[in-house]
Amino acid sequence: MERMVLGKTGLKIVRMGFGGIPIQRVDEAQAVETVRHAVDCGIDYIDTARAYTSSEERIGKALQLTDRSVVISS
């Protein structure tokens, strides 16, 4: 996947990120599996926000299941 520098941060991430809004619409198990799968496939940038209801907690649970490094924007 194509990589890019995230703004002025110097962080290099995959150009395609994962948005946290959709995982609030499915059950927790599906949400965790979806995030874990995205990270396992190489996604290393995840966007979330407090307004996305349960997405922050679900993303956290998914990231506990992997040793891959990701950048989280919240």
PDB file of N, CA and C in Angstrom:
ATOM      1  N   MET A   1       0.834  -1.184   0.000  1.00  0.00           N
ATOM      2  CA  MET A   1       0.000   0.000   0.000  1.00  0.00           C
ATOM      3  C   MET A   1       0.876   1.244   0.000  1.00  0.00           C
ATOM      4  N   GLU A   2       0.370   2.271  -0.604  1.00  0.00           N
ATOM      5  CA  GLU A   2       1.106   3.529  -0.701  1.00  0.00           C
ATOM      6  C   GLU A   2       1.173   4.221   0.664  1.00  0.00           C
ATOM      7  N   ARG A   3       2.340   4.718   1.019  1.00  0.00           N
ATOM      8  CA  ARG A   3       2.547   5.409   2.292  1.00  0.00           C
ATOM      9  C   ARG A   3       2.701   6.901   2.046  1.00  0.00           C
ATOM     10  N   MET A   4       2.404   7.685   3.069  1.00  0.00           N
ATOM     11  CA  MET A   4       2.511   9.140   2.992  1.00  0.00           C
ATOM     12  C   MET A   4       2.874   9.678   4.373  1.00  0.00           C
ATOM     13  N   VAL A   5       3.312  10.920   4.408  1.00  0.00           N
ATOM     14  CA  VAL A   5       3.592  11.586   5.671  1.00  0.00           C
ATOM     15  C   VAL A   5       2.311  12.280   6.114  1.00  0.00           C
ATOM     16  N   LEU A   6       1.938  12.079   7.363  1.00  0.00           N
ATOM     17  CA  LEU A   6       0.710  12.660   7.917  1.00  0.00           C
ATOM     18  C   LEU A   6       0.957  14.112   8.316  1.00  0.00           C
ATOM     19  N   GLY A   7       0.527  15.027   7.433  1.00  0.00           N
ATOM     20  CA  GLY A   7       0.667  16.453   7.704  1.00  0.00           C
ATOM     21  C   GLY A   7       2.087  16.838   8.051  1.00  0.00           C
ATOM     22  N   LYS A   8       2.251  17.603   9.113  1.00  0.00           N
ATOM     23  CA  LYS A   8       3.573  18.053   9.565  1.00  0.00           C
ATOM     24  C   LYS A   8       4.095  17.201  10.712  1.00  0.00           C
ATOM     25  N   THR A   9       3.439  16.067  10.977  1.00  0.00           N
ATOM     26  CA  THR A   9       3.821  15.236  12.123  1.00  0.00           C
ATOM     27  C   THR A   9       5.086  14.434  11.882  1.00  0.00           C
ATOM     28  N   GLY A  10       5.389  14.158  10.629  1.00  0.00           N
ATOM     29  CA  GLY A  10       6.516  13.297  10.307  1.00  0.00           C
ATOM     30  C   GLY A  10       6.164  11.817  10.372  1.00  0.00           C
ATOM     31  N   LEU A  11       4.939  11.502  10.800  1.00  0.00           N
ATOM     32  CA  LEU A  11       4.503  10.105  10.888  1.00  0.00           C
ATOM     33  C   LEU A  11       4.196   9.573   9.492  1.00  0.00           C
ATOM     34  N   LYS A  12       4.742   8.414   9.171  1.00  0.00           N
ATOM     35  CA  LYS A  12       4.480   7.790   7.879  1.00  0.00           C
ATOM     36  C   LYS A  12       3.392   6.736   8.067  1.00  0.00           C
ATOM     37  N   ILE A  13       2.311   6.903   7.309  1.00  0.00           N
ATOM     38  CA  ILE A  13       1.166   6.003   7.414  1.00  0.00           C
ATOM     39  C   ILE A  13       0.747   5.550   6.023  1.00  0.00           C
ATOM     40  N   VAL A  14      -0.028   4.485   5.990  1.00  0.00           N
ATOM     41  CA  VAL A  14      -0.632   4.032   4.739  1.00  0.00           C
ATOM     42  C   VAL A  14      -1.668   5.068   4.326  1.00  0.00           C
ATOM     43  N   ARG A  15      -1.740   5.351   3.043  1.00  0.00           N
ATOM     44  CA  ARG A  15      -2.656   6.383   2.550  1.00  0.00           C
ATOM     45  C   ARG A  15      -4.112   6.085   2.903  1.00  0.00           C
ATOM     46  N   MET A  16      -4.491   4.831   2.950  1.00  0.00           N
ATOM     47  CA  MET A  16      -5.866   4.468   3.277  1.00  0.00           C
ATOM     48  C   MET A  16      -5.986   4.251   4.782  1.00  0.00           C
ATOM     49  N   GLY A  17      -6.900   4.970   5.420  1.00  0.00           N
ATOM     50  CA  GLY A  17      -7.117   4.830   6.845  1.00  0.00           C
ATOM     51  C   GLY A  17      -8.423   4.120   7.146  1.00  0.00           C
ATOM     52  N   PHE A  18      -8.701   3.977   8.430  1.00  0.00           N
ATOM     53  CA  PHE A  18      -9.934   3.335   8.885  1.00  0.00           C
ATOM     54  C   PHE A  18     -10.721   4.351   9.694  1.00  0.00           C
ATOM     55  N   GLY A  19     -11.965   4.598   9.297  1.00  0.00           N
ATOM     56  CA  GLY A  19     -12.847   5.517  10.020  1.00  0.00           C
ATOM     57  C   GLY A  19     -13.708   4.769  11.019  1.00  0.00           C
ATOM     58  N   GLY A  20     -13.827   5.289  12.227  1.00  0.00           N
ATOM     59  CA  GLY A  20     -14.508   4.588  13.301  1.00  0.00           C
ATOM     60  C   GLY A  20     -16.021   4.690  13.335  1.00  0.00           C
ATOM     61  N   ILE A  21     -16.631   5.511  12.507  1.00  0.00           N
ATOM     62  CA  ILE A  21     -18.089   5.659  12.565  1.00  0.00           C
ATOM     63  C   ILE A  21     -18.830   4.347  12.312  1.00  0.00           C
ATOM     64  N   PRO A  22     -18.519   3.587  11.272  1.00  0.00           N
ATOM     65  CA  PRO A  22     -19.327   2.393  10.976  1.00  0.00           C
ATOM     66  C   PRO A  22     -19.334   1.324  12.068  1.00  0.00           C
ATOM     67  N   ILE A  23     -18.282   1.229  12.883  1.00  0.00           N
ATOM     68  CA  ILE A  23     -18.263   0.142  13.863  1.00  0.00           C
ATOM     69  C   ILE A  23     -19.179   0.398  15.048  1.00  0.00           C
ATOM     70  N   GLN A  24     -19.803   1.547  15.113  1.00  0.00           N
ATOM     71  CA  GLN A  24     -20.797   1.772  16.162  1.00  0.00           C
ATOM     72  C   GLN A  24     -22.144   1.180  15.762  1.00  0.00           C
ATOM     73  N   ARG A  25     -22.269   0.763  14.524  1.00  0.00           N
ATOM     74  CA  ARG A  25     -23.546   0.248  14.001  1.00  0.00           C
ATOM     75  C   ARG A  25     -23.653  -1.270  14.040  1.00  0.00           C
ATOM     76  N   VAL A  26     -22.587  -1.950  14.455  1.00  0.00           N
ATOM     77  CA  VAL A  26     -22.591  -3.418  14.522  1.00  0.00           C
ATOM     78  C   VAL A  26     -22.326  -3.834  15.962  1.00  0.00           C
ATOM     79  N   ASP A  27     -22.513  -5.107  16.266  1.00  0.00           N
ATOM     80  CA  ASP A  27     -22.253  -5.542  17.637  1.00  0.00           C
ATOM     81  C   ASP A  27     -20.757  -5.488  17.926  1.00  0.00           C
ATOM     82  N   GLU A  28     -20.430  -5.553  19.219  1.00  0.00           N
ATOM     83  CA  GLU A  28     -19.042  -5.370  19.635  1.00  0.00           C
ATOM     84  C   GLU A  28     -18.099  -6.400  19.035  1.00  0.00           C
ATOM     85  N   ALA A  29     -18.504  -7.654  19.005  1.00  0.00           N
ATOM     86  CA  ALA A  29     -17.628  -8.702  18.458  1.00  0.00           C
ATOM     87  C   ALA A  29     -17.289  -8.426  17.000  1.00  0.00           C
ATOM     88  N   GLN A  30     -18.299  -8.032  16.218  1.00  0.00           N
ATOM     89  CA  GLN A  30     -18.065  -7.726  14.801  1.00  0.00           C
ATOM     90  C   GLN A  30     -17.177  -6.498  14.653  1.00  0.00           C
ATOM     91  N   ALA A  31     -17.392  -5.493  15.499  1.00  0.00           N
ATOM     92  CA  ALA A  31     -16.590  -4.279  15.440  1.00  0.00           C
ATOM     93  C   ALA A  31     -15.119  -4.580  15.733  1.00  0.00           C
ATOM     94  N   VAL A  32     -14.867  -5.347  16.780  1.00  0.00           N
ATOM     95  CA  VAL A  32     -13.493  -5.698  17.153  1.00  0.00           C
ATOM     96  C   VAL A  32     -12.837  -6.499  16.041  1.00  0.00           C
ATOM     97  N   GLU A  33     -13.550  -7.463  15.491  1.00  0.00           N
ATOM     98  CA  GLU A  33     -13.005  -8.288  14.402  1.00  0.00           C
ATOM     99  C   GLU A  33     -12.709  -7.429  13.171  1.00  0.00           C
ATOM    100  N   THR A  34     -13.571  -6.485  12.861  1.00  0.00           N
ATOM    101  CA  THR A  34     -13.380  -5.620  11.695  1.00  0.00           C
ATOM    102  C   THR A  34     -12.116  -4.768  11.846  1.00  0.00           C
ATOM    103  N   VAL A  35     -11.948  -4.163  13.005  1.00  0.00           N
ATOM    104  CA  VAL A  35     -10.753  -3.337  13.238  1.00  0.00           C
ATOM    105  C   VAL A  35      -9.498  -4.210  13.209  1.00  0.00           C
ATOM    106  N   ARG A  36      -9.549  -5.341  13.888  1.00  0.00           N
ATOM    107  CA  ARG A  36      -8.385  -6.238  13.918  1.00  0.00           C
ATOM    108  C   ARG A  36      -8.008  -6.675  12.511  1.00  0.00           C
ATOM    109  N   HIS A  37      -9.001  -7.011  11.711  1.00  0.00           N
ATOM    110  CA  HIS A  37      -8.744  -7.438  10.336  1.00  0.00           C
ATOM    111  C   HIS A  37      -8.111  -6.303   9.521  1.00  0.00           C
ATOM    112  N   ALA A  38      -8.639  -5.099   9.669  1.00  0.00           N
ATOM    113  CA  ALA A  38      -8.078  -3.955   8.937  1.00  0.00           C
ATOM    114  C   ALA A  38      -6.611  -3.750   9.297  1.00  0.00           C
ATOM    115  N   VAL A  39      -6.304  -3.817  10.588  1.00  0.00           N
ATOM    116  CA  VAL A  39      -4.915  -3.637  11.037  1.00  0.00           C
ATOM    117  C   VAL A  39      -4.038  -4.784  10.532  1.00  0.00           C
ATOM    118  N   ASP A  40      -4.534  -6.005  10.605  1.00  0.00           N
ATOM    119  CA  ASP A  40      -3.772  -7.156  10.110  1.00  0.00           C
ATOM    120  C   ASP A  40      -3.508  -7.057   8.608  1.00  0.00           C
ATOM    121  N   CYS A  41      -4.393  -6.361   7.887  1.00  0.00           N
ATOM    122  CA  CYS A  41      -4.212  -6.181   6.436  1.00  0.00           C
ATOM    123  C   CYS A  41      -3.306  -4.997   6.094  1.00  0.00           C
ATOM    124  N   GLY A  42      -2.830  -4.284   7.115  1.00  0.00           N
ATOM    125  CA  GLY A  42      -1.879  -3.218   6.858  1.00  0.00           C
ATOM    126  C   GLY A  42      -2.341  -1.807   7.157  1.00  0.00           C
ATOM    127  N   ILE A  43      -3.603  -1.624   7.523  1.00  0.00           N
ATOM    128  CA  ILE A  43      -4.077  -0.287   7.878  1.00  0.00           C
ATOM    129  C   ILE A  43      -3.366   0.141   9.156  1.00  0.00           C
ATOM    130  N   ASP A  44      -2.784   1.336   9.141  1.00  0.00           N
ATOM    131  CA  ASP A  44      -2.069   1.795  10.329  1.00  0.00           C
ATOM    132  C   ASP A  44      -2.466   3.205  10.756  1.00  0.00           C
ATOM    133  N   TYR A  45      -3.615   3.673  10.263  1.00  0.00           N
ATOM    134  CA  TYR A  45      -4.162   4.969  10.672  1.00  0.00           C
ATOM    135  C   TYR A  45      -5.641   4.772  10.956  1.00  0.00           C
ATOM    136  N   ILE A  46      -6.062   5.099  12.163  1.00  0.00           N
ATOM    137  CA  ILE A  46      -7.461   4.932  12.560  1.00  0.00           C
ATOM    138  C   ILE A  46      -7.984   6.261  13.080  1.00  0.00           C
ATOM    139  N   ASP A  47      -9.131   6.674  12.553  1.00  0.00           N
ATOM    140  CA  ASP A  47      -9.793   7.901  12.977  1.00  0.00           C
ATOM    141  C   ASP A  47     -10.981   7.533  13.857  1.00  0.00           C
ATOM    142  N   THR A  48     -11.097   8.205  14.987  1.00  0.00           N
ATOM    143  CA  THR A  48     -12.237   8.002  15.871  1.00  0.00           C
ATOM    144  C   THR A  48     -12.540   9.318  16.573  1.00  0.00           C
ATOM    145  N   ALA A  49     -13.605   9.352  17.332  1.00  0.00           N
ATOM    146  CA  ALA A  49     -13.963  10.541  18.099  1.00  0.00           C
ATOM    147  C   ALA A  49     -14.937  10.141  19.190  1.00  0.00           C
ATOM    148  N   ARG A  50     -14.979  10.912  20.234  1.00  0.00           N
ATOM    149  CA  ARG A  50     -15.912  10.653  21.325  1.00  0.00           C
ATOM    150  C   ARG A  50     -17.353  10.587  20.798  1.00  0.00           C
ATOM    151  N   ALA A  51     -17.652  11.398  19.801  1.00  0.00           N
ATOM    152  CA  ALA A  51     -19.007  11.432  19.240  1.00  0.00           C
ATOM    153  C   ALA A  51     -19.384  10.146  18.501  1.00  0.00           C
ATOM    154  N   TYR A  52     -18.405   9.280  18.214  1.00  0.00           N
ATOM    155  CA  TYR A  52     -18.688   8.020  17.524  1.00  0.00           C
ATOM    156  C   TYR A  52     -19.138   6.953  18.518  1.00  0.00           C
ATOM    157  N   THR A  53     -19.751   7.351  19.568  1.00  0.00           N
ATOM    158  CA  THR A  53     -20.274   6.516  20.661  1.00  0.00           C
ATOM    159  C   THR A  53     -19.250   5.488  21.128  1.00  0.00           C
ATOM    160  N   SER A  54     -19.422   4.231  20.778  1.00  0.00           N
ATOM    161  CA  SER A  54     -18.607   3.141  21.319  1.00  0.00           C
ATOM    162  C   SER A  54     -17.343   2.843  20.520  1.00  0.00           C
ATOM    163  N   SER A  55     -17.053   3.597  19.485  1.00  0.00           N
ATOM    164  CA  SER A  55     -15.934   3.231  18.612  1.00  0.00           C
ATOM    165  C   SER A  55     -14.581   3.269  19.323  1.00  0.00           C
ATOM    166  N   GLU A  56     -14.355   4.230  20.196  1.00  0.00           N
ATOM    167  CA  GLU A  56     -13.052   4.306  20.874  1.00  0.00           C
ATOM    168  C   GLU A  56     -12.786   3.045  21.700  1.00  0.00           C
ATOM    169  N   GLU A  57     -13.776   2.628  22.452  1.00  0.00           N
ATOM    170  CA  GLU A  57     -13.617   1.430  23.280  1.00  0.00           C
ATOM    171  C   GLU A  57     -13.407   0.189  22.415  1.00  0.00           C
ATOM    172  N   ARG A  58     -14.161   0.074  21.344  1.00  0.00           N
ATOM    173  CA  ARG A  58     -14.045  -1.089  20.452  1.00  0.00           C
ATOM    174  C   ARG A  58     -12.702  -1.117  19.743  1.00  0.00           C
ATOM    175  N   ILE A  59     -12.236   0.028  19.316  1.00  0.00           N
ATOM    176  CA  ILE A  59     -10.918   0.098  18.677  1.00  0.00           C
ATOM    177  C   ILE A  59      -9.851  -0.319  19.684  1.00  0.00           C
ATOM    178  N   GLY A  60      -9.958   0.153  20.909  1.00  0.00           N
ATOM    179  CA  GLY A  60      -9.013  -0.231  21.952  1.00  0.00           C
ATOM    180  C   GLY A  60      -8.978  -1.734  22.179  1.00  0.00           C
ATOM    181  N   LYS A  61     -10.141  -2.348  22.224  1.00  0.00           N
ATOM    182  CA  LYS A  61     -10.210  -3.803  22.422  1.00  0.00           C
ATOM    183  C   LYS A  61      -9.557  -4.535  21.258  1.00  0.00           C
ATOM    184  N   ALA A  62      -9.780  -4.046  20.051  1.00  0.00           N
ATOM    185  CA  ALA A  62      -9.188  -4.687  18.872  1.00  0.00           C
ATOM    186  C   ALA A  62      -7.673  -4.549  18.884  1.00  0.00           C
ATOM    187  N   LEU A  63      -7.174  -3.393  19.273  1.00  0.00           N
ATOM    188  CA  LEU A  63      -5.736  -3.165  19.251  1.00  0.00           C
ATOM    189  C   LEU A  63      -5.007  -3.970  20.322  1.00  0.00           C
ATOM    190  N   GLN A  64      -5.709  -4.381  21.358  1.00  0.00           N
ATOM    191  CA  GLN A  64      -5.107  -5.253  22.367  1.00  0.00           C
ATOM    192  C   GLN A  64      -4.817  -6.634  21.801  1.00  0.00           C
ATOM    193  N   LEU A  65      -5.437  -6.964  20.670  1.00  0.00           N
ATOM    194  CA  LEU A  65      -5.283  -8.284  20.058  1.00  0.00           C
ATOM    195  C   LEU A  65      -4.198  -8.330  18.989  1.00  0.00           C
ATOM    196  N   THR A  66      -3.482  -7.239  18.810  1.00  0.00           N
ATOM    197  CA  THR A  66      -2.435  -7.203  17.792  1.00  0.00           C
ATOM    198  C   THR A  66      -1.194  -6.518  18.356  1.00  0.00           C
ATOM    199  N   ASP A  67      -0.065  -6.815  17.764  1.00  0.00           N
ATOM    200  CA  ASP A  67       1.164  -6.148  18.176  1.00  0.00           C
ATOM    201  C   ASP A  67       1.607  -5.114  17.143  1.00  0.00           C
ATOM    202  N   ARG A  68       0.783  -4.883  16.159  1.00  0.00           N
ATOM    203  CA  ARG A  68       1.113  -3.901  15.121  1.00  0.00           C
ATOM    204  C   ARG A  68       0.934  -2.480  15.664  1.00  0.00           C
ATOM    205  N   SER A  69       1.749  -1.592  15.157  1.00  0.00           N
ATOM    206  CA  SER A  69       1.708  -0.200  15.570  1.00  0.00           C
ATOM    207  C   SER A  69       0.746   0.582  14.680  1.00  0.00           C
ATOM    208  N   VAL A  70      -0.100   1.398  15.282  1.00  0.00           N
ATOM    209  CA  VAL A  70      -1.026   2.224  14.521  1.00  0.00           C
ATOM    210  C   VAL A  70      -1.017   3.644  15.058  1.00  0.00           C
ATOM    211  N   VAL A  71      -1.446   4.567  14.214  1.00  0.00           N
ATOM    212  CA  VAL A  71      -1.640   5.958  14.617  1.00  0.00           C
ATOM    213  C   VAL A  71      -3.137   6.152  14.788  1.00  0.00           C
ATOM    214  N   ILE A  72      -3.526   6.694  15.937  1.00  0.00           N
ATOM    215  CA  ILE A  72      -4.946   6.938  16.199  1.00  0.00           C
ATOM    216  C   ILE A  72      -5.166   8.443  16.266  1.00  0.00           C
ATOM    217  N   SER A  73      -6.158   8.892  15.519  1.00  0.00           N
ATOM    218  CA  SER A  73      -6.558  10.297  15.539  1.00  0.00           C
ATOM    219  C   SER A  73      -7.912  10.364  16.213  1.00  0.00           C
ATOM    220  N   SER A  74      -7.999  11.122  17.288  1.00  0.00           N
ATOM    221  CA  SER A  74      -9.260  11.206  18.028  1.00  0.00           C
ATOM    222  C   SER A  74      -9.551  12.643  18.398  1.00  0.00           C
TER     223      SER A  74
END
